[in-house]
């Protein structure tokens, strides 16, 4: 596996757009968790479908790539599944009840939300947040 590690130096507006995308994904993850708390018995499939409902209900949530929204919903589903696995295994102590995220610092655009240039010096985001093209400095 090849791992790329870069630093980004860009305009302040692009940094704000990235921060807005991060906060939107955090919002989606927390809303999915709240949806599960209000409707017990929901599975991962229903939680993943709920992120599409959030995109229609909140216009700013629709500005993030659909795969990034699904990844945020999957993180909430994974936290729920981990909690139930810990309960089934009868782990001593705290079971890790899912909590709302306050300091989430990531957006997971899987395949369609970005494009790396052929020379690996620029990264272009293709979503409605208007992040645009970022110059990359670093190595892999």
Protein backbone atom coordinates (compact mmCIF):
# COMPACT_ATOMS: atom_id res chain seq x y z
CA UNK A 1 0.00 0.00 0.00
CA UNK A 2 1.23 3.48 -0.84
CA UNK A 3 0.55 6.20 1.71
CA UNK A 4 0.72 9.84 0.66
CA UNK A 5 1.51 12.49 3.25
CA UNK A 6 1.34 16.13 2.20
CA UNK A 7 1.04 19.60 3.65
CA UNK A 8 -1.27 22.12 2.08
CA UNK A 9 -0.66 25.85 1.76
CA UNK A 10 -3.63 27.64 0.27
CA UNK A 11 -5.98 30.60 0.62
CA UNK A 12 -7.98 31.34 3.74
CA UNK A 13 -11.28 30.81 1.89
CA UNK A 14 -10.23 27.27 1.00
CA UNK A 15 -9.35 26.53 4.62
CA UNK A 16 -12.80 27.80 5.67
CA UNK A 17 -14.45 25.58 3.04
CA UNK A 18 -12.53 22.53 4.31
CA UNK A 19 -13.52 23.34 7.90
CA UNK A 20 -17.15 23.71 6.78
CA UNK A 21 -17.02 20.27 5.12
CA UNK A 22 -15.56 18.75 8.30
CA UNK A 23 -18.26 20.31 10.46
CA UNK A 24 -20.96 19.14 8.03
CA UNK A 25 -19.76 15.53 8.26
CA UNK A 26 -19.63 15.81 12.04
CA UNK A 27 -23.22 17.12 11.97
CA UNK A 28 -24.35 14.18 9.82
CA UNK A 29 -22.66 11.67 12.12
CA UNK A 30 -24.27 13.22 15.21
CA UNK A 31 -27.71 13.40 13.55
CA UNK A 32 -27.47 9.71 12.58
CA UNK A 33 -26.59 8.84 16.16
CA UNK A 34 -29.54 10.90 17.45
CA UNK A 35 -31.82 9.15 14.91
CA UNK A 36 -30.70 5.78 16.30
CA UNK A 37 -31.27 6.95 19.89
CA UNK A 38 -34.80 8.13 19.08
CA UNK A 39 -35.68 5.02 17.03
CA UNK A 40 -34.20 2.02 18.81
CA UNK A 41 -33.88 -1.13 16.75
CA UNK A 42 -32.56 0.62 13.67
CA UNK A 43 -29.87 -1.17 11.71
CA UNK A 44 -26.95 0.15 9.68
CA UNK A 45 -29.01 0.10 6.51
CA UNK A 46 -31.64 2.47 7.92
CA UNK A 47 -28.94 4.78 9.30
CA UNK A 48 -27.21 4.93 5.90
CA UNK A 49 -30.54 5.73 4.24
CA UNK A 50 -31.09 8.52 6.76
CA UNK A 51 -28.06 10.44 5.48
CA UNK A 52 -29.94 10.91 2.16
CA UNK A 53 -32.88 12.31 4.12
CA UNK A 54 -30.52 14.74 5.84
CA UNK A 55 -29.25 15.90 2.44
CA UNK A 56 -32.77 16.86 1.36
CA UNK A 57 -33.69 18.36 4.73
CA UNK A 58 -30.57 20.51 5.20
CA UNK A 59 -29.19 22.30 2.10
CA UNK A 60 -25.66 22.59 3.54
CA UNK A 61 -25.53 18.81 4.01
CA UNK A 62 -26.20 18.34 0.30
CA UNK A 63 -23.08 20.37 -0.52
CA UNK A 64 -20.85 17.53 0.72
CA UNK A 65 -20.21 14.60 -1.59
CA UNK A 66 -22.70 11.73 -1.15
CA UNK A 67 -19.94 9.27 -0.34
CA UNK A 68 -18.64 11.56 2.39
CA UNK A 69 -22.15 11.67 3.86
CA UNK A 70 -22.37 7.88 3.73
CA UNK A 71 -18.98 7.52 5.40
CA UNK A 72 -20.13 9.78 8.26
CA UNK A 73 -23.27 7.67 8.68
CA UNK A 74 -21.16 4.49 8.58
CA UNK A 75 -18.97 5.83 11.40
CA UNK A 76 -22.08 6.27 13.54
CA UNK A 77 -23.21 2.76 12.61
CA UNK A 78 -19.80 1.35 13.50
CA UNK A 79 -19.92 2.99 16.94
CA UNK A 80 -23.34 1.46 17.56
CA UNK A 81 -22.20 -1.99 16.38
CA UNK A 82 -19.07 -1.79 18.55
CA UNK A 83 -21.23 -0.99 21.59
CA UNK A 84 -23.49 -4.00 21.00
CA UNK A 85 -20.50 -6.28 20.34
CA UNK A 86 -19.00 -5.22 23.67
CA UNK A 87 -22.31 -5.94 25.40
CA UNK A 88 -22.57 -9.41 23.82
CA UNK A 89 -19.02 -10.28 24.82
CA UNK A 90 -19.78 -9.17 28.39
CA UNK A 91 -16.70 -6.97 28.60
CA UNK A 92 -16.05 -5.82 32.15
CA UNK A 93 -16.56 -2.12 32.85
CA UNK A 94 -17.81 0.47 30.41
CA UNK A 95 -19.19 -0.83 27.14
CA UNK A 96 -18.46 2.26 25.03
CA UNK A 97 -21.93 3.71 24.53
CA UNK A 98 -21.82 5.85 21.34
CA UNK A 99 -21.21 9.53 22.02
CA UNK A 100 -21.74 12.66 19.99
CA UNK A 101 -18.58 13.93 18.31
CA UNK A 102 -17.30 17.38 19.30
CA UNK A 103 -13.78 17.38 17.90
CA UNK A 104 -14.04 15.36 14.69
CA UNK A 105 -11.36 16.52 12.26
CA UNK A 106 -11.87 14.37 9.16
CA UNK A 107 -13.91 14.05 6.00
CA UNK A 108 -13.77 10.78 4.14
CA UNK A 109 -14.22 11.31 0.40
CA UNK A 110 -13.81 7.76 -0.83
CA UNK A 111 -13.47 7.81 -4.61
CA UNK A 112 -15.61 10.38 -6.34
CA UNK A 113 -15.09 13.51 -4.26
CA UNK A 114 -11.54 14.35 -5.28
CA UNK A 115 -8.97 13.93 -8.03
CA UNK A 116 -5.20 13.73 -7.63
CA UNK A 117 -3.23 15.12 -10.57
CA UNK A 118 -0.95 12.84 -12.55
CA UNK A 119 2.20 14.49 -11.19
CA UNK A 120 0.77 14.28 -7.62
CA UNK A 121 1.28 17.98 -6.99
CA UNK A 122 -2.35 19.14 -6.89
CA UNK A 123 -5.56 17.78 -5.42
CA UNK A 124 -8.93 18.94 -6.75
CA UNK A 125 -12.11 18.55 -4.72
CA UNK A 126 -15.33 18.19 -6.71
CA UNK A 127 -18.14 19.08 -4.35
CA UNK A 128 -20.40 22.03 -3.66
CA UNK A 129 -18.26 23.43 -0.84
CA UNK A 130 -16.04 25.23 -3.40
CA UNK A 131 -12.75 23.98 -1.96
CA UNK A 132 -11.21 23.82 -5.43
CA UNK A 133 -7.63 22.87 -6.21
CA UNK A 134 -5.00 22.59 -3.48
CA UNK A 135 -1.24 22.54 -4.01
CA UNK A 136 0.48 19.64 -2.25
CA UNK A 137 3.95 19.72 -0.72
CA UNK A 138 5.45 16.48 0.54
CA UNK A 139 6.30 12.93 -0.41
CA UNK A 140 4.97 9.39 -0.29
